[in-house]
């Protein structure tokens, strides 16, 4: 999310996803923190985002959200069931 961009955490996030081979998606505000051409990138996760990001989210047992405000677009209109079948670890 934008919080990760604002704090300059891109390098550390890239190291984390590469070390543990973690697929990732960004929010609209987080675009560019790690290249969308990165092989582990599933795209943008939002109501107008990429289907691959949604599919990666549905396959996840755990979602690591870094600097995400969980605004309307990133939660598909504040869906209350978004994390019903998966655990959320939110670092802000």
Protein backbone atom coordinates (compact mmCIF):
# COMPACT_ATOMS: atom_id res chain seq x y z
CA UNK A 1 0.00 0.00 0.00
CA UNK A 2 0.89 3.67 -0.03
CA UNK A 3 2.24 3.45 3.52
CA UNK A 4 4.96 1.10 2.28
CA UNK A 5 5.73 3.44 -0.62
CA UNK A 6 5.80 6.49 1.66
CA UNK A 7 8.15 4.79 4.13
CA UNK A 8 10.54 3.68 1.39
CA UNK A 9 10.17 -0.03 2.18
CA UNK A 10 10.44 -1.22 -1.42
CA UNK A 11 13.94 -2.69 -1.15
CA UNK A 12 13.10 -4.62 2.02
CA UNK A 13 9.82 -5.90 0.60
CA UNK A 14 11.58 -7.07 -2.55
CA UNK A 15 14.15 -8.95 -0.46
CA UNK A 16 11.36 -10.59 1.55
CA UNK A 17 9.32 -11.78 -1.42
CA UNK A 18 12.38 -13.04 -3.25
CA UNK A 19 13.86 -14.87 -0.27
CA UNK A 20 10.63 -16.71 0.53
CA UNK A 21 9.21 -16.80 -3.03
CA UNK A 22 6.04 -14.95 -1.97
CA UNK A 23 3.65 -13.97 -4.77
CA UNK A 24 2.55 -10.37 -4.32
CA UNK A 25 0.00 -7.88 -5.55
CA UNK A 26 -0.15 -4.15 -4.97
CA UNK A 27 -2.96 -1.75 -4.32
CA UNK A 28 -3.50 1.19 -6.66
CA UNK A 29 -1.64 3.44 -4.22
CA UNK A 30 1.17 0.91 -3.87
CA UNK A 31 1.87 0.51 -7.58
CA UNK A 32 5.53 0.68 -8.42
CA UNK A 33 6.95 -0.22 -5.02
CA UNK A 34 8.22 -3.39 -6.73
CA UNK A 35 8.16 -3.69 -10.50
CA UNK A 36 4.97 -5.14 -11.92
CA UNK A 37 7.25 -7.03 -14.31
CA UNK A 38 8.73 -8.98 -11.40
CA UNK A 39 8.09 -12.73 -11.91
CA UNK A 40 6.30 -12.99 -8.54
CA UNK A 41 3.93 -10.09 -9.25
CA UNK A 42 0.27 -10.98 -9.65
CA UNK A 43 -0.75 -7.43 -10.54
CA UNK A 44 -2.95 -4.84 -8.88
CA UNK A 45 -5.45 -5.96 -6.26
CA UNK A 46 -8.58 -3.81 -6.34
CA UNK A 47 -12.05 -3.77 -7.80
CA UNK A 48 -10.64 -2.63 -11.15
CA UNK A 49 -7.41 -4.63 -10.91
CA UNK A 50 -5.96 -7.78 -12.44
CA UNK A 51 -7.73 -11.14 -12.32
CA UNK A 52 -4.39 -12.82 -11.48
CA UNK A 53 -4.19 -10.74 -8.28
CA UNK A 54 -7.69 -11.83 -7.27
CA UNK A 55 -6.84 -15.48 -8.01
CA UNK A 56 -3.63 -15.25 -5.96
CA UNK A 57 -5.63 -13.75 -3.10
CA UNK A 58 -8.21 -16.54 -3.26
CA UNK A 59 -5.43 -19.16 -3.17
CA UNK A 60 -3.74 -17.58 -0.13
CA UNK A 61 -3.97 -19.02 3.37
CA UNK A 62 -2.24 -15.93 4.74
CA UNK A 63 -2.30 -12.37 3.42
CA UNK A 64 0.55 -10.07 4.41
CA UNK A 65 -0.63 -6.49 3.97
CA UNK A 66 2.12 -3.87 4.26
CA UNK A 67 1.18 -0.20 4.50
CA UNK A 68 -2.35 -0.86 3.28
CA UNK A 69 -5.19 1.37 4.51
CA UNK A 70 -7.87 -1.08 3.31
CA UNK A 71 -9.74 1.68 1.51
CA UNK A 72 -12.81 1.09 -0.65
CA UNK A 73 -11.05 0.00 -3.85
CA UNK A 74 -8.62 -2.37 -2.10
CA UNK A 75 -11.49 -4.08 -0.27
CA UNK A 76 -13.89 -4.34 -3.18
CA UNK A 77 -16.33 -1.90 -1.61
CA UNK A 78 -15.55 -2.81 2.01
CA UNK A 79 -16.57 -6.47 1.62
CA UNK A 80 -16.95 -7.87 5.12
CA UNK A 81 -16.19 -11.43 3.97
CA UNK A 82 -12.88 -10.58 2.28
CA UNK A 83 -10.74 -12.30 4.93
CA UNK A 84 -13.28 -14.90 6.04
CA UNK A 85 -11.27 -17.89 4.76
CA UNK A 86 -7.71 -16.60 5.26
CA UNK A 87 -5.56 -15.06 7.93
CA UNK A 88 -4.46 -11.45 7.70
CA UNK A 89 -1.14 -10.08 8.95
CA UNK A 90 -1.30 -6.29 8.67
CA UNK A 91 1.91 -4.27 9.06
CA UNK A 92 1.33 -0.55 9.02
